[in-house]
Every structure is written in C-alpha cells, then in structure tokens.
Amino acid sequence: MLFYNTFIYFMLCNIIYKIKKLIKNKMYDCFGMVSKKYIKDETIAYISGKFNRIGILEKGRAHIYCVDICGRRSVVEQIESGDVFGEIFTRPLENFEYFVTADIPCTVNY
C-alpha cells in the first residue's frame, strides 16, 4: 500500500509540474517574452532613471547592488531562480544607480 501511495504521489507531482510548465510557456508566448543568457560577472541590467521592463531570473543566481554618488557599491539583494527584478522592485533610494550582475551563469526572461 505504501508503494502504491508513493507512486500515485510522484505521478501527481509530475502531472502538476508539466501543467505548470505548459501554462508558463503559453503565458510567455502571450506576452512576447524574450530569454537571454548571461555569463558569470556579466551585467544583466543597469537601472537608472526609467527601466521599462521586468526581468524574471529563470536559472542561476545574481545580486542587485547600488552605487552612490561617491562610487561606493552596496549589495541590496541576492536573487535566485524564480525571483523578479526591475524598476518598481529595486529603487529604494532614487538618486542611486542600480545594477543586476550574474554570480553564476544565468538565464533571464524579459
């Protein structure tokens, strides 16, 4: 009985995963999202003034940091797969410039 219940559980998880992936892919097609790959230490986004898009970190790990008027860098946040970044999410201090940089190879959907 335990084997049967475990088997059913894994089958349901697999079905739900495939449905989520199908829905996500259809949503990306509907919004015309574009996927881009970045290597380690590459700048994914520069956010200063207007940044009219949202990025979804599909794979990888990156960090958001700001640069003050004197050129000092401060890490604001570390982001991982599934996290979202963009203008409305990353501007706690208006007069700073913000960068998103890949810690490891990343794939981002815009």
C-alpha atoms as a PDB file:
ATOM      1  CA  MET A   1       0.000   0.000   0.000  1.00  0.00           C
ATOM      2  CA  LEU A   2       2.841   2.429   0.848  1.00  0.00           C
ATOM      3  CA  PHE A   3       4.473   1.790  -2.548  1.00  0.00           C
ATOM      4  CA  TYR A   4       1.175   2.443  -4.328  1.00  0.00           C
ATOM      5  CA  ASN A   5       0.588   5.735  -2.433  1.00  0.00           C
ATOM      6  CA  THR A   6       4.145   6.890  -3.115  1.00  0.00           C
ATOM      7  CA  PHE A   7       3.769   6.019  -6.795  1.00  0.00           C
ATOM      8  CA  ILE A   8       0.482   7.971  -7.039  1.00  0.00           C
ATOM      9  CA  TYR A   9       2.063  10.959  -5.240  1.00  0.00           C
ATOM     10  CA  PHE A  10       5.011  11.105  -7.669  1.00  0.00           C
ATOM     11  CA  MET A  11       2.709  10.711 -10.675  1.00  0.00           C
ATOM     12  CA  LEU A  12       0.556  13.619  -9.484  1.00  0.00           C
ATOM     13  CA  CYS A  13       3.636  15.785  -8.856  1.00  0.00           C
ATOM     14  CA  ASN A  14       4.864  15.041 -12.382  1.00  0.00           C
ATOM     15  CA  ILE A  15       1.484  15.909 -13.921  1.00  0.00           C
ATOM     16  CA  ILE A  16       1.222  19.173 -11.942  1.00  0.00           C
ATOM     17  CA  TYR A  17       4.796  20.124 -12.929  1.00  0.00           C
ATOM     18  CA  LYS A  18       4.023  19.567 -16.626  1.00  0.00           C
ATOM     19  CA  ILE A  19       0.810  21.617 -16.399  1.00  0.00           C
ATOM     20  CA  LYS A  20       2.639  24.492 -14.688  1.00  0.00           C
ATOM     21  CA  LYS A  21       5.367  24.418 -17.343  1.00  0.00           C
ATOM     22  CA  LEU A  22       2.781  24.407 -20.160  1.00  0.00           C
ATOM     23  CA  ILE A  23       0.861  27.338 -18.627  1.00  0.00           C
ATOM     24  CA  LYS A  24       4.091  29.286 -18.045  1.00  0.00           C
ATOM     25  CA  ASN A  25       5.235  28.748 -21.650  1.00  0.00           C
ATOM     26  CA  LYS A  26       1.852  29.894 -23.009  1.00  0.00           C
ATOM     27  CA  MET A  27       1.963  32.979 -20.793  1.00  0.00           C
ATOM     28  CA  TYR A  28       5.499  33.812 -22.013  1.00  0.00           C
ATOM     29  CA  ASP A  29       4.332  33.460 -25.638  1.00  0.00           C
ATOM     30  CA  CYS A  30       1.299  35.673 -24.979  1.00  0.00           C
ATOM     31  CA  PHE A  31       3.411  38.498 -23.510  1.00  0.00           C
ATOM     32  CA  GLY A  32       6.160  38.145 -26.130  1.00  0.00           C
ATOM     33  CA  MET A  33       8.831  37.429 -23.524  1.00  0.00           C
ATOM     34  CA  VAL A  34      12.421  37.067 -24.648  1.00  0.00           C
ATOM     35  CA  SER A  35      15.018  34.853 -22.960  1.00  0.00           C
ATOM     36  CA  LYS A  36      18.675  35.908 -22.670  1.00  0.00           C
ATOM     37  CA  LYS A  37      21.684  34.102 -21.197  1.00  0.00           C
ATOM     38  CA  TYR A  38      24.448  35.756 -19.187  1.00  0.00           C
ATOM     39  CA  ILE A  39      27.854  34.531 -18.056  1.00  0.00           C
ATOM     40  CA  LYS A  40      29.343  34.927 -14.562  1.00  0.00           C
ATOM     41  CA  ASP A  41      30.038  38.579 -13.615  1.00  0.00           C
ATOM     42  CA  GLU A  42      28.155  39.930 -16.649  1.00  0.00           C
ATOM     43  CA  THR A  43      25.820  42.884 -16.064  1.00  0.00           C
ATOM     44  CA  ILE A  44      22.228  41.748 -16.562  1.00  0.00           C
ATOM     45  CA  ALA A  45      20.613  45.148 -16.069  1.00  0.00           C
ATOM     46  CA  TYR A  46      21.529  48.750 -15.387  1.00  0.00           C
ATOM     47  CA  ILE A  47      18.687  50.571 -13.671  1.00  0.00           C
ATOM     48  CA  SER A  48      18.898  54.359 -13.573  1.00  0.00           C
ATOM     49  CA  GLY A  49      16.029  56.649 -14.470  1.00  0.00           C
ATOM     50  CA  LYS A  50      13.480  54.670 -16.461  1.00  0.00           C
ATOM     51  CA  PHE A  51      13.742  50.883 -16.722  1.00  0.00           C
ATOM     52  CA  ASN A  52      10.577  49.893 -18.551  1.00  0.00           C
ATOM     53  CA  ARG A  53      10.751  46.154 -18.183  1.00  0.00           C
ATOM     54  CA  ILE A  54      10.587  43.363 -15.673  1.00  0.00           C
ATOM     55  CA  GLY A  55      13.125  40.528 -15.559  1.00  0.00           C
ATOM     56  CA  ILE A  56      12.450  37.030 -14.263  1.00  0.00           C
ATOM     57  CA  LEU A  57      15.559  35.092 -13.294  1.00  0.00           C
ATOM     58  CA  GLU A  58      14.746  31.700 -14.804  1.00  0.00           C
ATOM     59  CA  LYS A  59      18.024  29.966 -13.887  1.00  0.00           C
ATOM     60  CA  GLY A  60      21.063  30.972 -11.904  1.00  0.00           C
ATOM     61  CA  ARG A  61      21.873  33.423  -9.136  1.00  0.00           C
ATOM     62  CA  ALA A  62      22.599  37.152  -9.276  1.00  0.00           C
ATOM     63  CA  HIS A  63      22.802  40.155  -6.998  1.00  0.00           C
ATOM     64  CA  ILE A  64      21.431  43.662  -7.139  1.00  0.00           C
ATOM     65  CA  TYR A  65      23.740  46.398  -5.938  1.00  0.00           C
ATOM     66  CA  CYS A  66      23.575  50.170  -5.887  1.00  0.00           C
ATOM     67  CA  VAL A  67      26.278  52.755  -6.470  1.00  0.00           C
ATOM     68  CA  ASP A  68      26.104  56.041  -4.579  1.00  0.00           C
ATOM     69  CA  ILE A  69      27.305  59.422  -5.774  1.00  0.00           C
ATOM     70  CA  CYS A  70      30.832  58.709  -4.437  1.00  0.00           C
ATOM     71  CA  GLY A  71      31.063  55.418  -6.373  1.00  0.00           C
ATOM     72  CA  ARG A  72      30.634  53.128  -3.355  1.00  0.00           C
ATOM     73  CA  ARG A  73      28.861  49.842  -4.043  1.00  0.00           C
ATOM     74  CA  SER A  74      26.375  48.247  -1.671  1.00  0.00           C
ATOM     75  CA  VAL A  75      24.654  44.914  -2.206  1.00  0.00           C
ATOM     76  CA  VAL A  76      20.895  45.446  -1.991  1.00  0.00           C
ATOM     77  CA  GLU A  77      19.663  41.915  -2.558  1.00  0.00           C
ATOM     78  CA  GLN A  78      20.638  38.475  -3.803  1.00  0.00           C
ATOM     79  CA  ILE A  79      18.195  36.972  -6.304  1.00  0.00           C
ATOM     80  CA  GLU A  80      17.759  33.359  -7.316  1.00  0.00           C
ATOM     81  CA  SER A  81      15.756  31.298  -9.813  1.00  0.00           C
ATOM     82  CA  GLY A  82      12.154  32.476  -9.917  1.00  0.00           C
ATOM     83  CA  ASP A  83      12.861  35.950  -8.486  1.00  0.00           C
ATOM     84  CA  VAL A  84      11.722  39.116 -10.261  1.00  0.00           C
ATOM     85  CA  PHE A  85      13.629  42.390 -10.671  1.00  0.00           C
ATOM     86  CA  GLY A  86      13.008  45.702 -12.374  1.00  0.00           C
ATOM     87  CA  GLU A  87      12.255  49.387 -11.857  1.00  0.00           C
ATOM     88  CA  ILE A  88       9.423  49.029  -9.359  1.00  0.00           C
ATOM     89  CA  PHE A  89      11.197  46.394  -7.280  1.00  0.00           C
ATOM     90  CA  THR A  90      14.698  47.792  -6.846  1.00  0.00           C
ATOM     91  CA  ARG A  91      14.668  51.532  -6.253  1.00  0.00           C
ATOM     92  CA  PRO A  92      14.598  52.215  -2.508  1.00  0.00           C
ATOM     93  CA  LEU A  93      16.936  55.204  -2.991  1.00  0.00           C
ATOM     94  CA  GLU A  94      16.070  57.326  -6.035  1.00  0.00           C
ATOM     95  CA  ASN A  95      19.440  59.044  -6.575  1.00  0.00           C
ATOM     96  CA  PHE A  96      21.456  55.824  -6.757  1.00  0.00           C
ATOM     97  CA  GLU A  97      22.260  53.732  -9.793  1.00  0.00           C
ATOM     98  CA  TYR A  98      21.381  50.040  -9.608  1.00  0.00           C
ATOM     99  CA  PHE A  99      22.979  47.075 -11.333  1.00  0.00           C
ATOM    100  CA  VAL A 100      21.987  43.420 -11.563  1.00  0.00           C
ATOM    101  CA  THR A 101      25.045  41.198 -12.042  1.00  0.00           C
ATOM    102  CA  ALA A 102      25.256  37.423 -12.591  1.00  0.00           C
ATOM    103  CA  ASP A 103      27.003  35.493  -9.800  1.00  0.00           C
ATOM    104  CA  ILE A 104      26.921  32.326 -11.913  1.00  0.00           C
ATOM    105  CA  PRO A 105      25.665  31.693 -15.487  1.00  0.00           C
ATOM    106  CA  CYS A 106      22.047  32.906 -15.657  1.00  0.00           C
ATOM    107  CA  THR A 107      19.006  32.833 -17.927  1.00  0.00           C
ATOM    108  CA  VAL A 108      16.661  35.808 -17.684  1.00  0.00           C
ATOM    109  CA  ASN A 109      13.229  36.255 -19.283  1.00  0.00           C
ATOM    110  CA  TYR A 110      12.109  39.792 -20.161  1.00  0.00           C
END
